[in-house]
């Protein structure tokens, strides 16, 4: 991913085909690696790869990390609460998509 792509990610466009390194994810979220590692430990995001130096993160991980950051900043929710909230938000979105599909059938 080049610097132009990272700028697009930073301003809100998720580039799903590319993956981000730990450093790129940290820069895109404007946070330290320790916080990203905490998200991984809590199961909020999942890196691809075994070695921390080779970790790659998807666009979905970027979206979840940013959402987690907003939940922590705006509502002061702890990491366990963030994991639950994000899972529930994804479930609601999935149910809405199903209802929309059924409504057009």
Protein backbone atom coordinates (compact mmCIF):
# COMPACT_ATOMS: atom_id res chain seq x y z
CA UNK A 1 0.00 0.00 0.00
CA UNK A 2 1.52 3.32 -1.00
CA UNK A 3 1.25 6.66 0.80
CA UNK A 4 -1.60 7.83 -1.44
CA UNK A 5 -3.63 4.73 -0.53
CA UNK A 6 -2.88 5.26 3.15
CA UNK A 7 -4.13 8.84 2.83
CA UNK A 8 -7.37 7.52 1.32
CA UNK A 9 -7.71 5.09 4.21
CA UNK A 10 -7.05 7.87 6.69
CA UNK A 11 -9.78 10.08 5.26
CA UNK A 12 -12.36 7.33 5.20
CA UNK A 13 -12.09 5.22 2.08
CA UNK A 14 -11.41 1.58 2.92
CA UNK A 15 -9.38 -0.18 0.27
CA UNK A 16 -10.41 -3.79 0.77
CA UNK A 17 -8.03 -5.37 -1.73
CA UNK A 18 -4.96 -4.17 0.14
CA UNK A 19 -3.92 -5.08 3.63
CA UNK A 20 -2.28 -2.88 6.20
CA UNK A 21 0.80 -3.53 8.29
CA UNK A 22 0.66 -2.84 12.01
CA UNK A 23 2.41 0.50 11.47
CA UNK A 24 0.01 1.52 8.71
CA UNK A 25 -2.99 0.57 10.82
CA UNK A 26 -1.61 2.61 13.72
CA UNK A 27 -1.08 5.64 11.46
CA UNK A 28 -4.53 5.28 9.86
CA UNK A 29 -6.11 5.29 13.34
CA UNK A 30 -3.63 7.75 14.89
CA UNK A 31 -2.93 5.39 17.79
CA UNK A 32 -0.05 3.40 19.27
CA UNK A 33 0.64 -0.26 18.53
CA UNK A 34 -0.04 -1.20 22.17
CA UNK A 35 -3.69 -0.27 21.71
CA UNK A 36 -3.97 -2.35 18.52
CA UNK A 37 -2.39 -5.29 20.37
CA UNK A 38 -5.01 -4.84 23.11
CA UNK A 39 -7.74 -5.04 20.46
CA UNK A 40 -6.21 -8.26 19.16
CA UNK A 41 -5.98 -9.76 22.64
CA UNK A 42 -9.66 -8.93 23.23
CA UNK A 43 -10.63 -10.52 19.89
CA UNK A 44 -11.90 -7.25 18.42
CA UNK A 45 -9.64 -7.49 15.38
CA UNK A 46 -7.58 -10.37 14.04
CA UNK A 47 -4.31 -10.04 12.16
CA UNK A 48 -3.24 -12.33 9.38
CA UNK A 49 0.13 -13.89 10.06
CA UNK A 50 1.86 -15.36 13.08
CA UNK A 51 4.81 -13.02 13.57
CA UNK A 52 4.02 -9.49 14.75
CA UNK A 53 6.48 -8.13 12.19
CA UNK A 54 4.50 -9.78 9.40
CA UNK A 55 0.97 -9.02 10.64
CA UNK A 56 -1.44 -7.76 7.99
CA UNK A 57 -4.85 -6.23 8.66
CA UNK A 58 -7.88 -6.08 6.38
CA UNK A 59 -10.06 -3.09 5.65
CA UNK A 60 -12.64 -4.62 8.01
CA UNK A 61 -10.04 -4.54 10.80
CA UNK A 62 -9.47 -0.86 10.11
CA UNK A 63 -13.20 -0.15 10.33
CA UNK A 64 -13.49 -2.12 13.58
CA UNK A 65 -10.41 -0.42 15.08
CA UNK A 66 -11.78 3.02 14.26
CA UNK A 67 -15.19 2.11 15.64
CA UNK A 68 -13.55 0.76 18.79
CA UNK A 69 -11.61 3.98 19.17
CA UNK A 70 -14.80 6.05 18.86
CA UNK A 71 -16.62 3.88 21.41
CA UNK A 72 -13.77 4.20 23.87
CA UNK A 73 -13.35 7.93 23.31
CA UNK A 74 -17.01 8.97 23.14
CA UNK A 75 -18.59 6.54 25.61
CA UNK A 76 -15.57 5.51 27.70
CA UNK A 77 -16.38 1.83 27.15
CA UNK A 78 -13.74 -0.73 28.16
CA UNK A 79 -12.37 -3.26 25.67
CA UNK A 80 -14.76 -6.07 26.70
CA UNK A 81 -17.69 -3.69 26.24
CA UNK A 82 -16.31 -2.53 22.89
CA UNK A 83 -16.09 -6.14 21.67
CA UNK A 84 -19.70 -6.76 22.66
CA UNK A 85 -20.94 -3.47 21.20
CA UNK A 86 -19.20 -4.07 17.86
CA UNK A 87 -20.56 -7.61 17.62
CA UNK A 88 -24.08 -6.37 18.35
CA UNK A 89 -23.76 -3.53 15.84
CA UNK A 90 -22.65 -6.00 13.15
CA UNK A 91 -25.56 -8.31 14.01
CA UNK A 92 -28.02 -5.42 13.70
CA UNK A 93 -26.53 -4.48 10.33
CA UNK A 94 -26.82 -8.08 9.15
CA UNK A 95 -30.46 -8.27 10.26
CA UNK A 96 -31.23 -4.99 8.50
CA UNK A 97 -29.71 -6.35 5.29
CA UNK A 98 -31.84 -9.51 5.60
CA UNK A 99 -35.00 -7.46 6.16
CA UNK A 100 -34.17 -5.29 3.17
CA UNK A 101 -33.63 -8.40 1.01
CA UNK A 102 -36.93 -9.91 2.17
CA UNK A 103 -38.71 -6.64 1.52
CA UNK A 104 -37.64 -6.72 -2.14
CA UNK A 105 -38.58 -10.38 -2.66
